[in-house]
């Protein structure tokens, strides 16, 4: 789960984007932090780029202790883009 030092950075967002459970390789619908529903491993992914193609949890990272389920990604913290 993302950690924050300053509470002013926390903002509730009820967008349905947070409800979608996505398969590996799916184009990222919103830039941010995605969490594996099986084991909790987190990655940063950028809008339009594919989510990590990992199909099973043990291949996330050699240092990550994880479940051995199928990988499904869910957005947990979205990046807010400001137009200049």
PDB file of N, CA and C in Angstrom:
ATOM      1  N   UNK A   1       0.845  -1.167   0.000  1.00  0.00           N
ATOM      2  CA  UNK A   1       0.000   0.000   0.000  1.00  0.00           C
ATOM      3  C   UNK A   1       0.891   1.230   0.000  1.00  0.00           C
ATOM      4  N   UNK A   2       0.588   2.225  -0.798  1.00  0.00           N
ATOM      5  CA  UNK A   2       1.412   3.435  -0.806  1.00  0.00           C
ATOM      6  C   UNK A   2       1.450   4.076   0.581  1.00  0.00           C
ATOM      7  N   UNK A   3       2.597   4.622   0.908  1.00  0.00           N
ATOM      8  CA  UNK A   3       2.777   5.314   2.179  1.00  0.00           C
ATOM      9  C   UNK A   3       2.926   6.806   1.920  1.00  0.00           C
ATOM     10  N   UNK A   4       2.449   7.607   2.848  1.00  0.00           N
ATOM     11  CA  UNK A   4       2.525   9.057   2.733  1.00  0.00           C
ATOM     12  C   UNK A   4       3.006   9.630   4.040  1.00  0.00           C
ATOM     13  N   UNK A   5       3.830  10.649   3.961  1.00  0.00           N
ATOM     14  CA  UNK A   5       4.262  11.328   5.171  1.00  0.00           C
ATOM     15  C   UNK A   5       3.304  12.456   5.533  1.00  0.00           C
ATOM     16  N   UNK A   6       2.815  13.164   4.529  1.00  0.00           N
ATOM     17  CA  UNK A   6       1.978  14.332   4.763  1.00  0.00           C
ATOM     18  C   UNK A   6       0.535  14.064   4.342  1.00  0.00           C
ATOM     19  N   UNK A   7      -0.386  14.227   5.254  1.00  0.00           N
ATOM     20  CA  UNK A   7      -1.792  13.891   4.996  1.00  0.00           C
ATOM     21  C   UNK A   7      -2.441  14.768   3.935  1.00  0.00           C
ATOM     22  N   UNK A   8      -1.891  15.932   3.657  1.00  0.00           N
ATOM     23  CA  UNK A   8      -2.508  16.785   2.645  1.00  0.00           C
ATOM     24  C   UNK A   8      -2.403  16.167   1.242  1.00  0.00           C
ATOM     25  N   UNK A   9      -1.602  15.114   1.093  1.00  0.00           N
ATOM     26  CA  UNK A   9      -1.492  14.446  -0.198  1.00  0.00           C
ATOM     27  C   UNK A   9      -2.568  13.381  -0.390  1.00  0.00           C
ATOM     28  N   UNK A  10      -3.319  13.088   0.647  1.00  0.00           N
ATOM     29  CA  UNK A  10      -4.363  12.071   0.553  1.00  0.00           C
ATOM     30  C   UNK A  10      -5.645  12.695   0.035  1.00  0.00           C
ATOM     31  N   UNK A  11      -6.260  12.024  -0.919  1.00  0.00           N
ATOM     32  CA  UNK A  11      -7.475  12.545  -1.525  1.00  0.00           C
ATOM     33  C   UNK A  11      -8.344  11.355  -1.923  1.00  0.00           C
ATOM     34  N   UNK A  12      -9.606  11.348  -1.542  1.00  0.00           N
ATOM     35  CA  UNK A  12     -10.514  10.266  -1.899  1.00  0.00           C
ATOM     36  C   UNK A  12     -10.982  10.458  -3.335  1.00  0.00           C
ATOM     37  N   UNK A  13     -10.979   9.363  -4.071  1.00  0.00           N
ATOM     38  CA  UNK A  13     -11.429   9.387  -5.453  1.00  0.00           C
ATOM     39  C   UNK A  13     -12.338   8.182  -5.660  1.00  0.00           C
ATOM     40  N   UNK A  14     -13.561   8.399  -6.079  1.00  0.00           N
ATOM     41  CA  UNK A  14     -14.523   7.311  -6.238  1.00  0.00           C
ATOM     42  C   UNK A  14     -14.625   6.821  -7.680  1.00  0.00           C
ATOM     43  N   UNK A  15     -13.651   7.133  -8.501  1.00  0.00           N
ATOM     44  CA  UNK A  15     -13.656   6.718  -9.900  1.00  0.00           C
ATOM     45  C   UNK A  15     -13.731   5.194 -10.022  1.00  0.00           C
ATOM     46  N   UNK A  16     -14.461   4.723 -10.999  1.00  0.00           N
ATOM     47  CA  UNK A  16     -14.562   3.280 -11.246  1.00  0.00           C
ATOM     48  C   UNK A  16     -13.237   2.701 -11.736  1.00  0.00           C
ATOM     49  N   UNK A  17     -12.291   3.554 -12.100  1.00  0.00           N
ATOM     50  CA  UNK A  17     -10.970   3.082 -12.515  1.00  0.00           C
ATOM     51  C   UNK A  17     -10.322   2.258 -11.411  1.00  0.00           C
ATOM     52  N   UNK A  18     -10.611   2.586 -10.152  1.00  0.00           N
ATOM     53  CA  UNK A  18     -10.050   1.853  -9.024  1.00  0.00           C
ATOM     54  C   UNK A  18     -10.703   0.482  -8.831  1.00  0.00           C
ATOM     55  N   UNK A  19     -11.853   0.253  -9.437  1.00  0.00           N
ATOM     56  CA  UNK A  19     -12.568  -1.015  -9.280  1.00  0.00           C
ATOM     57  C   UNK A  19     -12.138  -2.075 -10.287  1.00  0.00           C
ATOM     58  N   UNK A  20     -11.531  -1.657 -11.375  1.00  0.00           N
ATOM     59  CA  UNK A  20     -11.156  -2.594 -12.438  1.00  0.00           C
ATOM     60  C   UNK A  20     -10.017  -3.501 -11.990  1.00  0.00           C
ATOM     61  N   UNK A  21     -10.175  -4.788 -12.240  1.00  0.00           N
ATOM     62  CA  UNK A  21      -9.119  -5.766 -11.993  1.00  0.00           C
ATOM     63  C   UNK A  21      -8.620  -6.184 -13.368  1.00  0.00           C
ATOM     64  N   UNK A  22      -7.331  -5.919 -13.623  1.00  0.00           N
ATOM     65  CA  UNK A  22      -6.783  -6.029 -14.970  1.00  0.00           C
ATOM     66  C   UNK A  22      -5.793  -7.180 -15.105  1.00  0.00           C
ATOM     67  N   UNK A  23      -5.740  -7.741 -16.291  1.00  0.00           N
ATOM     68  CA  UNK A  23      -4.811  -8.838 -16.568  1.00  0.00           C
ATOM     69  C   UNK A  23      -3.457  -8.288 -17.003  1.00  0.00           C
ATOM     70  N   UNK A  24      -2.397  -9.077 -16.843  1.00  0.00           N
ATOM     71  CA  UNK A  24      -1.071  -8.656 -17.267  1.00  0.00           C
ATOM     72  C   UNK A  24      -1.055  -8.279 -18.751  1.00  0.00           C
ATOM     73  N   UNK A  25      -0.306  -7.224 -19.070  1.00  0.00           N
ATOM     74  CA  UNK A  25      -0.176  -6.783 -20.446  1.00  0.00           C
ATOM     75  C   UNK A  25      -1.258  -5.836 -20.920  1.00  0.00           C
ATOM     76  N   UNK A  26      -2.296  -5.620 -20.119  1.00  0.00           N
ATOM     77  CA  UNK A  26      -3.366  -4.685 -20.473  1.00  0.00           C
ATOM     78  C   UNK A  26      -2.794  -3.269 -20.524  1.00  0.00           C
ATOM     79  N   UNK A  27      -3.172  -2.448 -21.509  1.00  0.00           N
ATOM     80  CA  UNK A  27      -2.711  -1.056 -21.500  1.00  0.00           C
ATOM     81  C   UNK A  27      -3.173  -0.354 -20.214  1.00  0.00           C
ATOM     82  N   UNK A  28      -2.270   0.366 -19.591  1.00  0.00           N
ATOM     83  CA  UNK A  28      -2.557   1.042 -18.333  1.00  0.00           C
ATOM     84  C   UNK A  28      -3.605   2.139 -18.544  1.00  0.00           C
ATOM     85  N   UNK A  29      -4.770   2.044 -17.874  1.00  0.00           N
ATOM     86  CA  UNK A  29      -5.825   3.027 -18.068  1.00  0.00           C
ATOM     87  C   UNK A  29      -5.576   4.359 -17.371  1.00  0.00           C
ATOM     88  N   UNK A  30      -4.751   4.347 -16.324  1.00  0.00           N
ATOM     89  CA  UNK A  30      -4.459   5.564 -15.566  1.00  0.00           C
ATOM     90  C   UNK A  30      -3.086   5.398 -14.920  1.00  0.00           C
ATOM     91  N   UNK A  31      -2.207   6.376 -15.072  1.00  0.00           N
ATOM     92  CA  UNK A  31      -0.877   6.288 -14.457  1.00  0.00           C
ATOM     93  C   UNK A  31      -1.006   6.194 -12.944  1.00  0.00           C
ATOM     94  N   UNK A  32      -0.169   5.358 -12.335  1.00  0.00           N
ATOM     95  CA  UNK A  32      -0.191   5.252 -10.884  1.00  0.00           C
ATOM     96  C   UNK A  32       0.430   3.971 -10.383  1.00  0.00           C
ATOM     97  N   UNK A  33       0.082   3.629  -9.154  1.00  0.00           N
ATOM     98  CA  UNK A  33       0.583   2.418  -8.509  1.00  0.00           C
ATOM     99  C   UNK A  33      -0.481   1.335  -8.613  1.00  0.00           C
ATOM    100  N   UNK A  34      -0.077   0.162  -9.094  1.00  0.00           N
ATOM    101  CA  UNK A  34      -0.967  -0.985  -9.234  1.00  0.00           C
ATOM    102  C   UNK A  34      -0.491  -2.081  -8.295  1.00  0.00           C
ATOM    103  N   UNK A  35      -1.446  -2.761  -7.685  1.00  0.00           N
ATOM    104  CA  UNK A  35      -1.158  -3.811  -6.707  1.00  0.00           C
ATOM    105  C   UNK A  35      -1.660  -5.144  -7.244  1.00  0.00           C
ATOM    106  N   UNK A  36      -0.847  -6.183  -7.063  1.00  0.00           N
ATOM    107  CA  UNK A  36      -1.251  -7.533  -7.458  1.00  0.00           C
ATOM    108  C   UNK A  36      -2.314  -8.025  -6.468  1.00  0.00           C
ATOM    109  N   UNK A  37      -3.449  -8.431  -6.983  1.00  0.00           N
ATOM    110  CA  UNK A  37      -4.551  -8.902  -6.136  1.00  0.00           C
ATOM    111  C   UNK A  37      -4.209 -10.202  -5.408  1.00  0.00           C
ATOM    112  N   UNK A  38      -3.275 -10.992  -5.940  1.00  0.00           N
ATOM    113  CA  UNK A  38      -2.929 -12.269  -5.322  1.00  0.00           C
ATOM    114  C   UNK A  38      -1.963 -12.140  -4.162  1.00  0.00           C
ATOM    115  N   UNK A  39      -0.952 -11.250  -4.315  1.00  0.00           N
ATOM    116  CA  UNK A  39       0.103 -11.236  -3.298  1.00  0.00           C
ATOM    117  C   UNK A  39       0.446  -9.866  -2.736  1.00  0.00           C
ATOM    118  N   UNK A  40      -0.051  -8.781  -3.324  1.00  0.00           N
ATOM    119  CA  UNK A  40       0.221  -7.459  -2.787  1.00  0.00           C
ATOM    120  C   UNK A  40       1.423  -6.750  -3.373  1.00  0.00           C
ATOM    121  N   UNK A  41       2.153  -7.377  -4.287  1.00  0.00           N
ATOM    122  CA  UNK A  41       3.296  -6.722  -4.932  1.00  0.00           C
ATOM    123  C   UNK A  41       2.802  -5.491  -5.671  1.00  0.00           C
ATOM    124  N   UNK A  42       3.552  -4.392  -5.611  1.00  0.00           N
ATOM    125  CA  UNK A  42       3.116  -3.150  -6.245  1.00  0.00           C
ATOM    126  C   UNK A  42       4.098  -2.707  -7.321  1.00  0.00           C
ATOM    127  N   UNK A  43       3.544  -2.127  -8.385  1.00  0.00           N
ATOM    128  CA  UNK A  43       4.355  -1.596  -9.487  1.00  0.00           C
ATOM    129  C   UNK A  43       3.820  -0.223  -9.870  1.00  0.00           C
ATOM    130  N   UNK A  44       4.675   0.564 -10.506  1.00  0.00           N
ATOM    131  CA  UNK A  44       4.250   1.841 -11.077  1.00  0.00           C
ATOM    132  C   UNK A  44       4.078   1.602 -12.564  1.00  0.00           C
ATOM    133  N   UNK A  45       2.965   2.067 -13.113  1.00  0.00           N
ATOM    134  CA  UNK A  45       2.723   1.920 -14.542  1.00  0.00           C
ATOM    135  C   UNK A  45       2.187   3.231 -15.092  1.00  0.00           C
ATOM    136  N   UNK A  46       2.572   3.543 -16.321  1.00  0.00           N
ATOM    137  CA  UNK A  46       2.230   4.807 -16.963  1.00  0.00           C
ATOM    138  C   UNK A  46       1.118   4.614 -17.987  1.00  0.00           C
ATOM    139  N   UNK A  47       0.210   5.578 -18.050  1.00  0.00           N
ATOM    140  CA  UNK A  47      -0.928   5.546 -18.962  1.00  0.00           C
ATOM    141  C   UNK A  47      -0.495   5.109 -20.363  1.00  0.00           C
ATOM    142  N   UNK A  48      -1.226   4.144 -20.917  1.00  0.00           N
ATOM    143  CA  UNK A  48      -0.997   3.690 -22.278  1.00  0.00           C
ATOM    144  C   UNK A  48       0.028   2.585 -22.424  1.00  0.00           C
ATOM    145  N   UNK A  49       0.943   2.467 -21.472  1.00  0.00           N
ATOM    146  CA  UNK A  49       1.937   1.397 -21.522  1.00  0.00           C
ATOM    147  C   UNK A  49       1.317   0.136 -20.933  1.00  0.00           C
ATOM    148  N   UNK A  50       1.768  -1.052 -21.362  1.00  0.00           N
ATOM    149  CA  UNK A  50       1.176  -2.274 -20.809  1.00  0.00           C
ATOM    150  C   UNK A  50       1.560  -2.493 -19.353  1.00  0.00           C
ATOM    151  N   UNK A  51       0.603  -3.021 -18.586  1.00  0.00           N
ATOM    152  CA  UNK A  51       0.915  -3.447 -17.221  1.00  0.00           C
ATOM    153  C   UNK A  51       1.930  -4.580 -17.309  1.00  0.00           C
ATOM    154  N   UNK A  52       2.722  -4.815 -16.264  1.00  0.00           N
ATOM    155  CA  UNK A  52       3.732  -5.871 -16.333  1.00  0.00           C
ATOM    156  C   UNK A  52       3.120  -7.197 -16.795  1.00  0.00           C
ATOM    157  N   UNK A  53       3.843  -7.906 -17.674  1.00  0.00           N
ATOM    158  CA  UNK A  53       3.298  -9.129 -18.273  1.00  0.00           C
ATOM    159  C   UNK A  53       3.411 -10.367 -17.403  1.00  0.00           C
ATOM    160  N   UNK A  54       3.873 -10.228 -16.178  1.00  0.00           N
ATOM    161  CA  UNK A  54       4.039 -11.366 -15.277  1.00  0.00           C
ATOM    162  C   UNK A  54       2.718 -12.117 -15.113  1.00  0.00           C
ATOM    163  N   UNK A  55       2.720 -13.421 -15.341  1.00  0.00           N
ATOM    164  CA  UNK A  55       1.489 -14.207 -15.243  1.00  0.00           C
ATOM    165  C   UNK A  55       1.290 -14.858 -13.883  1.00  0.00           C
ATOM    166  N   UNK A  56       2.396 -15.167 -13.180  1.00  0.00           N
ATOM    167  CA  UNK A  56       2.294 -15.788 -11.860  1.00  0.00           C
ATOM    168  C   UNK A  56       3.149 -15.006 -10.868  1.00  0.00           C
ATOM    169  N   UNK A  57       2.705 -14.933  -9.644  1.00  0.00           N
ATOM    170  CA  UNK A  57       3.345 -14.106  -8.619  1.00  0.00           C
ATOM    171  C   UNK A  57       4.832 -14.382  -8.376  1.00  0.00           C
ATOM    172  N   UNK A  58       5.303 -15.621  -8.349  1.00  0.00           N
ATOM    173  CA  UNK A  58       6.712 -15.837  -8.026  1.00  0.00           C
ATOM    174  C   UNK A  58       7.697 -15.144  -8.967  1.00  0.00           C
ATOM    175  N   UNK A  59       7.264 -14.692 -10.117  1.00  0.00           N
ATOM    176  CA  UNK A  59       8.189 -14.031 -11.032  1.00  0.00           C
ATOM    177  C   UNK A  59       8.184 -12.508 -10.904  1.00  0.00           C
ATOM    178  N   UNK A  60       7.462 -11.942  -9.927  1.00  0.00           N
ATOM    179  CA  UNK A  60       7.480 -10.494  -9.706  1.00  0.00           C
ATOM    180  C   UNK A  60       8.900 -10.018  -9.418  1.00  0.00           C
ATOM    181  N   UNK A  61       9.494 -10.562  -8.395  1.00  0.00           N
ATOM    182  CA  UNK A  61      10.808 -10.126  -7.938  1.00  0.00           C
ATOM    183  C   UNK A  61      11.412 -11.247  -7.095  1.00  0.00           C
ATOM    184  N   UNK A  62      12.719 -11.497  -7.233  1.00  0.00           N
ATOM    185  CA  UNK A  62      13.329 -12.564  -6.436  1.00  0.00           C
ATOM    186  C   UNK A  62      13.305 -12.286  -4.925  1.00  0.00           C
ATOM    187  N   UNK A  63      13.135 -11.027  -4.529  1.00  0.00           N
ATOM    188  CA  UNK A  63      13.122 -10.682  -3.100  1.00  0.00           C
ATOM    189  C   UNK A  63      11.713 -10.642  -2.517  1.00  0.00           C
ATOM    190  N   UNK A  64      10.687 -10.809  -3.338  1.00  0.00           N
ATOM    191  CA  UNK A  64       9.312 -10.677  -2.867  1.00  0.00           C
ATOM    192  C   UNK A  64       8.767 -12.028  -2.448  1.00  0.00           C
ATOM    193  N   UNK A  65       8.303 -12.133  -1.202  1.00  0.00           N
ATOM    194  CA  UNK A  65       7.657 -13.369  -0.769  1.00  0.00           C
ATOM    195  C   UNK A  65       6.186 -13.252  -1.156  1.00  0.00           C
ATOM    196  N   UNK A  66       5.708 -14.200  -1.908  1.00  0.00           N
ATOM    197  CA  UNK A  66       4.370 -13.994  -2.431  1.00  0.00           C
ATOM    198  C   UNK A  66       3.561 -15.277  -2.509  1.00  0.00           C
ATOM    199  N   UNK A  67       2.287 -15.076  -2.735  1.00  0.00           N
ATOM    200  CA  UNK A  67       1.368 -16.176  -2.990  1.00  0.00           C
ATOM    201  C   UNK A  67       1.679 -16.723  -4.381  1.00  0.00           C
ATOM    202  N   UNK A  68       1.089 -17.800  -4.717  1.00  0.00           N
ATOM    203  CA  UNK A  68       1.361 -18.405  -6.013  1.00  0.00           C
ATOM    204  C   UNK A  68       0.119 -18.395  -6.890  1.00  0.00           C
ATOM    205  N   UNK A  69      -0.567 -17.284  -6.892  1.00  0.00           N
ATOM    206  CA  UNK A  69      -1.789 -17.173  -7.677  1.00  0.00           C
ATOM    207  C   UNK A  69      -1.555 -16.511  -9.019  1.00  0.00           C
ATOM    208  N   UNK A  70      -2.645 -16.339  -9.754  1.00  0.00           N
ATOM    209  CA  UNK A  70      -2.587 -15.630 -11.016  1.00  0.00           C
ATOM    210  C   UNK A  70      -2.484 -14.138 -10.732  1.00  0.00           C
ATOM    211  N   UNK A  71      -1.724 -13.450 -11.555  1.00  0.00           N
ATOM    212  CA  UNK A  71      -1.541 -12.020 -11.377  1.00  0.00           C
ATOM    213  C   UNK A  71      -2.740 -11.260 -11.940  1.00  0.00           C
ATOM    214  N   UNK A  72      -3.288 -10.373 -11.126  1.00  0.00           N
ATOM    215  CA  UNK A  72      -4.338  -9.449 -11.539  1.00  0.00           C
ATOM    216  C   UNK A  72      -4.003  -8.112 -10.898  1.00  0.00           C
ATOM    217  N   UNK A  73      -3.992  -7.054 -11.694  1.00  0.00           N
ATOM    218  CA  UNK A  73      -3.593  -5.732 -11.213  1.00  0.00           C
ATOM    219  C   UNK A  73      -4.785  -4.850 -10.913  1.00  0.00           C
ATOM    220  N   UNK A  74      -4.694  -4.073  -9.811  1.00  0.00           N
ATOM    221  CA  UNK A  74      -5.724  -3.105  -9.444  1.00  0.00           C
ATOM    222  C   UNK A  74      -5.044  -1.784  -9.068  1.00  0.00           C
ATOM    223  N   UNK A  75      -5.569  -0.689  -9.577  1.00  0.00           N
ATOM    224  CA  UNK A  75      -5.046   0.638  -9.268  1.00  0.00           C
ATOM    225  C   UNK A  75      -5.296   0.961  -7.795  1.00  0.00           C
ATOM    226  N   UNK A  76      -4.249   1.382  -7.073  1.00  0.00           N
ATOM    227  CA  UNK A  76      -4.404   1.754  -5.671  1.00  0.00           C
ATOM    228  C   UNK A  76      -4.072   3.221  -5.409  1.00  0.00           C
ATOM    229  N   UNK A  77      -3.290   3.839  -6.287  1.00  0.00           N
ATOM    230  CA  UNK A  77      -2.957   5.263  -6.148  1.00  0.00           C
ATOM    231  C   UNK A  77      -2.753   5.848  -7.545  1.00  0.00           C
ATOM    232  N   UNK A  78      -3.609   6.763  -7.935  1.00  0.00           N
ATOM    233  CA  UNK A  78      -3.533   7.351  -9.269  1.00  0.00           C
ATOM    234  C   UNK A  78      -2.704   8.623  -9.248  1.00  0.00           C
ATOM    235  N   UNK A  79      -1.954   8.826 -10.313  1.00  0.00           N
ATOM    236  CA  UNK A  79      -1.202  10.059 -10.472  1.00  0.00           C
ATOM    237  C   UNK A  79      -2.138  11.110 -11.077  1.00  0.00           C
ATOM    238  N   UNK A  80      -2.004  12.335 -10.613  1.00  0.00           N
ATOM    239  CA  UNK A  80      -2.821  13.429 -11.150  1.00  0.00           C
ATOM    240  C   UNK A  80      -1.947  14.233 -12.098  1.00  0.00           C
ATOM    241  N   UNK A  81      -2.379  14.340 -13.328  1.00  0.00           N
ATOM    242  CA  UNK A  81      -1.609  15.073 -14.322  1.00  0.00           C
ATOM    243  C   UNK A  81      -2.223  16.462 -14.508  1.00  0.00           C
ATOM    244  N   UNK A  82      -1.388  17.458 -14.421  1.00  0.00           N
ATOM    245  CA  UNK A  82      -1.844  18.835 -14.622  1.00  0.00           C
ATOM    246  C   UNK A  82      -1.352  19.319 -15.975  1.00  0.00           C
ATOM    247  N   UNK A  83      -2.229  19.937 -16.728  1.00  0.00           N
ATOM    248  CA  UNK A  83      -1.839  20.485 -18.021  1.00  0.00           C
ATOM    249  C   UNK A  83      -1.183  21.830 -17.797  1.00  0.00           C
ATOM    250  N   UNK A  84      -0.081  22.074 -18.514  1.00  0.00           N
ATOM    251  CA  UNK A  84       0.614  23.342 -18.327  1.00  0.00           C
ATOM    252  C   UNK A  84       0.105  24.408 -19.270  1.00  0.00           C
TER     253      UNK A  84
END
